[in-house]
Protein backbone atom coordinates (compact mmCIF):
# COMPACT_ATOMS: atom_id res chain seq x y z
CA MET A 1 -0.89 -29.73 -82.67
CA SER A 2 -0.28 -26.45 -82.81
CA ASP A 3 -1.26 -24.04 -80.14
CA PRO A 4 -4.06 -21.39 -81.28
CA PHE A 5 -2.53 -18.54 -79.25
CA SER A 6 0.58 -18.91 -81.00
CA GLU A 7 -0.76 -18.87 -84.49
CA GLY A 8 -2.80 -15.64 -83.70
CA SER A 9 0.07 -14.13 -82.08
CA SER A 10 2.36 -14.86 -84.87
CA SER A 11 -0.16 -13.32 -87.52
CA ARG A 12 -0.61 -10.54 -85.37
CA SER A 13 3.32 -9.98 -85.26
CA LYS A 14 3.36 -10.59 -88.96
CA ASN A 15 0.85 -7.92 -89.36
CA GLU A 16 2.29 -5.55 -87.04
CA ASN A 17 5.61 -5.90 -88.84
CA ASP A 18 3.99 -5.38 -92.18
CA ARG A 19 2.19 -2.27 -91.15
CA PHE A 20 5.53 -0.94 -89.78
CA ILE A 21 7.35 -1.87 -93.14
CA GLY A 22 4.80 -0.09 -94.98
CA SER A 23 4.77 2.80 -92.72
CA GLU A 24 8.71 2.97 -93.16
CA GLN A 25 8.78 2.60 -96.76
CA ALA A 26 6.04 5.64 -96.84
CA GLU A 27 8.50 7.51 -94.90
CA GLN A 28 11.02 7.02 -97.01
CA ARG A 29 9.33 7.56 -100.14
CA LEU A 30 8.41 10.83 -98.77
CA LEU A 31 11.87 11.63 -97.53
CA MET A 32 13.28 10.69 -101.15
CA ASP A 33 10.51 12.98 -102.72
CA GLU A 34 11.55 15.93 -100.39
CA GLN A 35 15.20 15.16 -101.37
CA ASP A 36 14.40 15.13 -105.15
CA GLN A 37 12.75 18.49 -104.80
CA GLN A 38 15.45 19.85 -103.04
CA LEU A 39 17.96 18.53 -105.72
CA ASP A 40 15.89 19.86 -108.38
CA SER A 41 15.97 23.33 -106.82
CA VAL A 42 19.79 22.84 -106.38
CA LEU A 43 20.09 22.13 -109.88
CA ASN A 44 18.00 25.34 -111.06
CA THR A 45 20.02 27.40 -109.00
CA VAL A 46 23.12 25.79 -110.59
CA HIS A 47 21.96 26.33 -114.08
CA ASN A 48 20.90 29.92 -112.93
CA LEU A 49 24.53 30.56 -111.52
CA ARG A 50 26.10 29.36 -114.89
CA GLU A 51 24.09 31.63 -117.06
CA ILE A 52 25.03 34.41 -114.92
CA ALA A 53 28.80 33.09 -115.05
CA VAL A 54 28.51 33.11 -118.92
CA THR A 55 26.98 36.70 -119.06
CA MET A 56 29.54 37.98 -116.90
CA GLY A 57 32.27 36.31 -118.81
CA GLY A 58 30.93 38.03 -121.86
CA GLU A 59 30.70 41.39 -120.14
CA LEU A 60 34.37 40.86 -118.90
CA ASP A 61 35.59 40.18 -122.64
CA ASP A 62 33.82 43.33 -123.87
CA HIS A 63 35.16 45.30 -121.29
CA HIS A 64 38.50 43.77 -121.93
CA MET A 65 38.44 45.03 -125.59
CA LEU A 66 37.08 48.23 -124.78
CA LEU A 67 40.17 48.79 -122.37
CA GLU A 68 42.65 47.62 -124.82
CA ASP A 69 40.97 50.07 -127.31
CA LEU A 70 41.03 53.08 -124.91
CA ASP A 71 44.97 51.82 -124.19
CA ASN A 72 45.72 52.26 -127.81
CA GLN A 73 44.13 55.73 -128.01
CA LEU A 74 45.86 56.80 -125.06
CA ASP A 75 49.08 55.65 -126.42
CA SER A 76 48.39 57.42 -129.79
CA THR A 77 47.14 60.62 -128.07
CA ASP A 78 50.43 60.35 -125.53
CA GLY A 79 52.53 60.29 -128.71
CA LYS A 80 50.71 63.47 -130.36
CA LEU A 81 51.05 65.48 -127.07
CA LYS A 82 54.74 64.75 -126.79
CA MET A 83 55.31 66.10 -130.41
CA ALA A 84 53.06 69.11 -129.62
CA ARG A 85 54.87 69.74 -126.36
CA LYS A 86 58.32 69.75 -128.32
CA ARG A 87 56.90 72.34 -130.82
CA VAL A 88 55.69 74.49 -128.20
CA ASP A 89 59.14 74.10 -126.36
CA ARG A 90 60.97 75.14 -129.76
CA PHE A 91 58.51 78.00 -130.35
CA LEU A 92 59.20 79.07 -126.95
CA GLU A 93 62.97 79.17 -127.22
CA LYS A 94 62.68 80.98 -130.55
CA SER A 95 60.07 83.77 -129.11
CA SER A 96 62.25 84.27 -126.11
CA GLU A 97 65.38 84.87 -128.54
CA SER A 98 63.09 87.08 -130.72
CA THR A 99 61.78 88.74 -127.57
CA CYS A 100 65.22 90.07 -126.74
CA CYS A 101 65.79 91.21 -130.02
CA ILE A 102 62.42 92.96 -130.18
CA THR A 103 63.10 94.72 -126.94
CA VAL A 104 66.45 96.07 -127.93
CA LEU A 105 65.00 97.33 -131.26
CA ILE A 106 62.19 99.08 -129.16
CA VAL A 107 65.01 100.47 -126.80
CA VAL A 108 67.00 101.76 -129.96
CA LEU A 109 63.53 103.19 -131.34
CA PHE A 110 62.83 104.95 -127.97
CA ILE A 111 66.33 106.44 -128.02
CA LEU A 112 66.08 107.52 -131.58
CA LEU A 113 62.67 109.18 -131.12
CA LEU A 114 63.95 110.74 -127.83
CA LEU A 115 67.06 112.47 -130.15
CA VAL A 116 64.61 113.23 -132.86
CA LEU A 117 62.46 115.15 -130.59
CA LEU A 118 65.17 116.82 -128.68
CA ILE A 119 66.83 117.93 -131.79
C-alpha cells in the first residue's frame, strides 16, 4: 500500500517544481525579449552608422575631386606667374639699360642748355 502522505507531498513537490519551472521560463522569456529589443536598437544604430559612413565617403570623394581640380589650377597659375615674372625681369633689365641712356641724354641736354644760355 501506498502512503497517503507521500502521495500528497509528491504531488505538492511536483506542483512546486512546475511553478518554479514556469516562473523561470517566464523570466527567461522576459530576458530574451529585452535582449531582442537591445539587439534591435544595436542594429538600428549600426544601420545609422553605415548611412553616415556612406555619406562621409561621398563627401570625401567630392572633396578629393575638388582638391585635385584646385591643384591643377594652381599648377597652371604657377606656370603663368613664372612666365610673367620672366617677362617683368626682362623688362626691368631693358629699362635699367634705357634709364642709363636717358640719364646720360638728360645730362647732355642740360649741358647744352647751359651752353646756349651762357652764350
